[in-house]
Amino acid sequence: MKQINWDDFQQVELRVGTIINVEDFPEARKPAFKLQVDFGEIIGIKKSSAQVTDLYNKASLIGKQVLAVVNFPPKQIGPVMSECLVTGFHREDGAVVLATPDMQINNGARLA
């Protein structure tokens, strides 16, 4: 595993946001949803795609707080311009478990 220094880590803007909209993403190569995530007043609402259809449905994602990287440059994913990277953990079966705070916190809060 490659090691990084503290300054490298400090450059990553990992923020909490609330999923406010979920749509199917039939054009994706692997099953995915199109998400809109609210990161609060300063950062605003950002779009993303997430391959989380194995464990989550649209209704279970609405209102869920997630951790996301908000300072990557936008990336074109099919017809979607992804503006943030929603984070999660791969299980042994390949399903993704979203990284979430265990208590409610203000949108936009930075990972400490």
C-alpha atoms as a PDB file:
ATOM      1  CA  MET A   1       0.000   0.000   0.000  1.00  0.00           C
ATOM      2  CA  LYS A   2       1.359   3.393  -0.996  1.00  0.00           C
ATOM      3  CA  GLN A   3       1.733   5.837   1.870  1.00  0.00           C
ATOM      4  CA  ILE A   4       0.780   9.493   1.594  1.00  0.00           C
ATOM      5  CA  ASN A   5       1.657  12.375   3.841  1.00  0.00           C
ATOM      6  CA  TRP A   6      -0.694  14.532   5.903  1.00  0.00           C
ATOM      7  CA  ASP A   7      -0.601  17.370   3.350  1.00  0.00           C
ATOM      8  CA  ASP A   8      -1.849  14.968   0.645  1.00  0.00           C
ATOM      9  CA  PHE A   9      -4.786  13.913   2.838  1.00  0.00           C
ATOM     10  CA  GLN A  10      -5.615  17.518   3.738  1.00  0.00           C
ATOM     11  CA  GLN A  11      -6.201  18.264   0.047  1.00  0.00           C
ATOM     12  CA  VAL A  12      -9.098  15.783  -0.140  1.00  0.00           C
ATOM     13  CA  GLU A  13     -12.416  17.491   0.637  1.00  0.00           C
ATOM     14  CA  LEU A  14     -14.472  14.683   2.184  1.00  0.00           C
ATOM     15  CA  ARG A  15     -17.821  16.226   3.083  1.00  0.00           C
ATOM     16  CA  VAL A  16     -21.163  14.963   4.313  1.00  0.00           C
ATOM     17  CA  GLY A  17     -24.241  15.530   2.183  1.00  0.00           C
ATOM     18  CA  THR A  18     -27.840  14.383   2.047  1.00  0.00           C
ATOM     19  CA  ILE A  19     -29.187  12.548  -0.993  1.00  0.00           C
ATOM     20  CA  ILE A  20     -32.181  14.565  -2.164  1.00  0.00           C
ATOM     21  CA  ASN A  21     -32.967  12.936  -5.519  1.00  0.00           C
ATOM     22  CA  VAL A  22     -32.389   9.485  -7.033  1.00  0.00           C
ATOM     23  CA  GLU A  23     -33.059   8.421 -10.613  1.00  0.00           C
ATOM     24  CA  ASP A  24     -32.463   5.240 -12.554  1.00  0.00           C
ATOM     25  CA  PHE A  25     -29.384   5.295 -14.779  1.00  0.00           C
ATOM     26  CA  PRO A  26     -30.173   2.783 -17.554  1.00  0.00           C
ATOM     27  CA  GLU A  27     -27.333   4.063 -19.778  1.00  0.00           C
ATOM     28  CA  ALA A  28     -24.660   3.025 -17.226  1.00  0.00           C
ATOM     29  CA  ARG A  29     -22.452   0.054 -18.105  1.00  0.00           C
ATOM     30  CA  LYS A  30     -23.005  -1.416 -14.625  1.00  0.00           C
ATOM     31  CA  PRO A  31     -26.252  -0.946 -12.678  1.00  0.00           C
ATOM     32  CA  ALA A  32     -26.223   2.490 -11.051  1.00  0.00           C
ATOM     33  CA  PHE A  33     -28.336   5.382  -9.854  1.00  0.00           C
ATOM     34  CA  LYS A  34     -28.034   9.081 -10.670  1.00  0.00           C
ATOM     35  CA  LEU A  35     -27.907  11.023  -7.410  1.00  0.00           C
ATOM     36  CA  GLN A  36     -28.278  14.636  -6.356  1.00  0.00           C
ATOM     37  CA  VAL A  37     -26.558  15.326  -3.045  1.00  0.00           C
ATOM     38  CA  ASP A  38     -27.073  18.479  -0.969  1.00  0.00           C
ATOM     39  CA  PHE A  39     -23.834  19.661   0.667  1.00  0.00           C
ATOM     40  CA  GLY A  40     -25.306  22.803   2.230  1.00  0.00           C
ATOM     41  CA  GLU A  41     -25.225  26.482   1.307  1.00  0.00           C
ATOM     42  CA  ILE A  42     -21.511  26.899   0.614  1.00  0.00           C
ATOM     43  CA  ILE A  43     -20.994  23.839  -1.632  1.00  0.00           C
ATOM     44  CA  GLY A  44     -24.560  23.398  -2.873  1.00  0.00           C
ATOM     45  CA  ILE A  45     -26.119  20.455  -4.692  1.00  0.00           C
ATOM     46  CA  LYS A  46     -23.857  18.148  -6.704  1.00  0.00           C
ATOM     47  CA  LYS A  47     -24.631  15.299  -9.096  1.00  0.00           C
ATOM     48  CA  SER A  48     -23.067  11.860  -9.007  1.00  0.00           C
ATOM     49  CA  SER A  49     -23.614   8.329 -10.185  1.00  0.00           C
ATOM     50  CA  ALA A  50     -23.319   5.438  -7.763  1.00  0.00           C
ATOM     51  CA  GLN A  51     -23.181   1.689  -8.326  1.00  0.00           C
ATOM     52  CA  VAL A  52     -25.163   0.875  -5.190  1.00  0.00           C
ATOM     53  CA  THR A  53     -28.181  -0.916  -6.674  1.00  0.00           C
ATOM     54  CA  ASP A  54     -27.327  -4.262  -5.009  1.00  0.00           C
ATOM     55  CA  LEU A  55     -28.096  -3.057  -1.480  1.00  0.00           C
ATOM     56  CA  TYR A  56     -30.156   0.123  -1.909  1.00  0.00           C
ATOM     57  CA  ASN A  57     -33.304   1.135  -3.722  1.00  0.00           C
ATOM     58  CA  LYS A  58     -34.324   4.667  -4.632  1.00  0.00           C
ATOM     59  CA  ALA A  59     -36.615   5.084  -1.620  1.00  0.00           C
ATOM     60  CA  SER A  60     -33.942   3.924   0.853  1.00  0.00           C
ATOM     61  CA  LEU A  61     -31.445   6.470  -0.499  1.00  0.00           C
ATOM     62  CA  ILE A  62     -33.618   9.595  -0.225  1.00  0.00           C
ATOM     63  CA  GLY A  63     -32.635  11.489   2.924  1.00  0.00           C
ATOM     64  CA  LYS A  64     -29.541   9.339   3.569  1.00  0.00           C
ATOM     65  CA  GLN A  65     -26.408  11.229   4.547  1.00  0.00           C
ATOM     66  CA  VAL A  66     -23.244  10.096   2.755  1.00  0.00           C
ATOM     67  CA  LEU A  67     -19.550  10.974   2.668  1.00  0.00           C
ATOM     68  CA  ALA A  68     -18.295  12.241  -0.678  1.00  0.00           C
ATOM     69  CA  VAL A  69     -15.207  13.794  -2.213  1.00  0.00           C
ATOM     70  CA  VAL A  70     -16.333  17.201  -3.494  1.00  0.00           C
ATOM     71  CA  ASN A  71     -13.098  18.599  -4.949  1.00  0.00           C
ATOM     72  CA  PHE A  72     -12.399  16.221  -7.826  1.00  0.00           C
ATOM     73  CA  PRO A  73     -12.858  17.801 -11.264  1.00  0.00           C
ATOM     74  CA  PRO A  74     -16.191  16.892 -12.893  1.00  0.00           C
ATOM     75  CA  LYS A  75     -16.107  13.580 -14.772  1.00  0.00           C
ATOM     76  CA  GLN A  76     -18.325  12.570 -17.680  1.00  0.00           C
ATOM     77  CA  ILE A  77     -19.971   9.193 -17.005  1.00  0.00           C
ATOM     78  CA  GLY A  78     -22.099   8.428 -20.032  1.00  0.00           C
ATOM     79  CA  PRO A  79     -24.688  11.205 -20.252  1.00  0.00           C
ATOM     80  CA  VAL A  80     -24.065  12.298 -16.633  1.00  0.00           C
ATOM     81  CA  MET A  81     -21.480  14.863 -15.522  1.00  0.00           C
ATOM     82  CA  SER A  82     -20.459  13.556 -12.107  1.00  0.00           C
ATOM     83  CA  GLU A  83     -19.507  16.398  -9.750  1.00  0.00           C
ATOM     84  CA  CYS A  84     -18.599  14.414  -6.625  1.00  0.00           C
ATOM     85  CA  LEU A  85     -17.528  10.913  -5.630  1.00  0.00           C
ATOM     86  CA  VAL A  86     -19.886   9.250  -3.164  1.00  0.00           C
ATOM     87  CA  THR A  87     -17.808   6.854  -1.062  1.00  0.00           C
ATOM     88  CA  GLY A  88     -18.461   3.327   0.096  1.00  0.00           C
ATOM     89  CA  PHE A  89     -16.910  -0.033   0.861  1.00  0.00           C
ATOM     90  CA  HIS A  90     -16.892  -3.141  -1.362  1.00  0.00           C
ATOM     91  CA  ARG A  91     -18.105  -6.304   0.307  1.00  0.00           C
ATOM     92  CA  GLU A  92     -16.673  -9.683  -0.673  1.00  0.00           C
ATOM     93  CA  ASP A  93     -19.613 -10.205  -3.050  1.00  0.00           C
ATOM     94  CA  GLY A  94     -18.867  -6.899  -4.811  1.00  0.00           C
ATOM     95  CA  ALA A  95     -21.842  -4.975  -3.382  1.00  0.00           C
ATOM     96  CA  VAL A  96     -21.095  -1.434  -2.166  1.00  0.00           C
ATOM     97  CA  VAL A  97     -21.996  -0.307   1.365  1.00  0.00           C
ATOM     98  CA  LEU A  98     -22.178   3.483   1.520  1.00  0.00           C
ATOM     99  CA  ALA A  99     -19.934   5.386   3.932  1.00  0.00           C
ATOM    100  CA  THR A 100     -22.311   7.285   6.207  1.00  0.00           C
ATOM    101  CA  PRO A 101     -22.064   9.196   9.494  1.00  0.00           C
ATOM    102  CA  ASP A 102     -23.635   7.353  12.406  1.00  0.00           C
ATOM    103  CA  MET A 103     -25.386  10.512  13.630  1.00  0.00           C
ATOM    104  CA  GLN A 104     -27.114  13.384  11.840  1.00  0.00           C
ATOM    105  CA  ILE A 105     -24.703  16.219  11.022  1.00  0.00           C
ATOM    106  CA  ASN A 106     -24.968  19.461   9.061  1.00  0.00           C
ATOM    107  CA  ASN A 107     -24.576  19.085   5.296  1.00  0.00           C
ATOM    108  CA  GLY A 108     -21.145  20.244   4.186  1.00  0.00           C
ATOM    109  CA  ALA A 109     -19.336  19.197   7.374  1.00  0.00           C
ATOM    110  CA  ARG A 110     -15.794  18.102   6.572  1.00  0.00           C
ATOM    111  CA  LEU A 111     -14.349  14.789   7.671  1.00  0.00           C
ATOM    112  CA  ALA A 112     -12.048  15.476  10.614  1.00  0.00           C
END
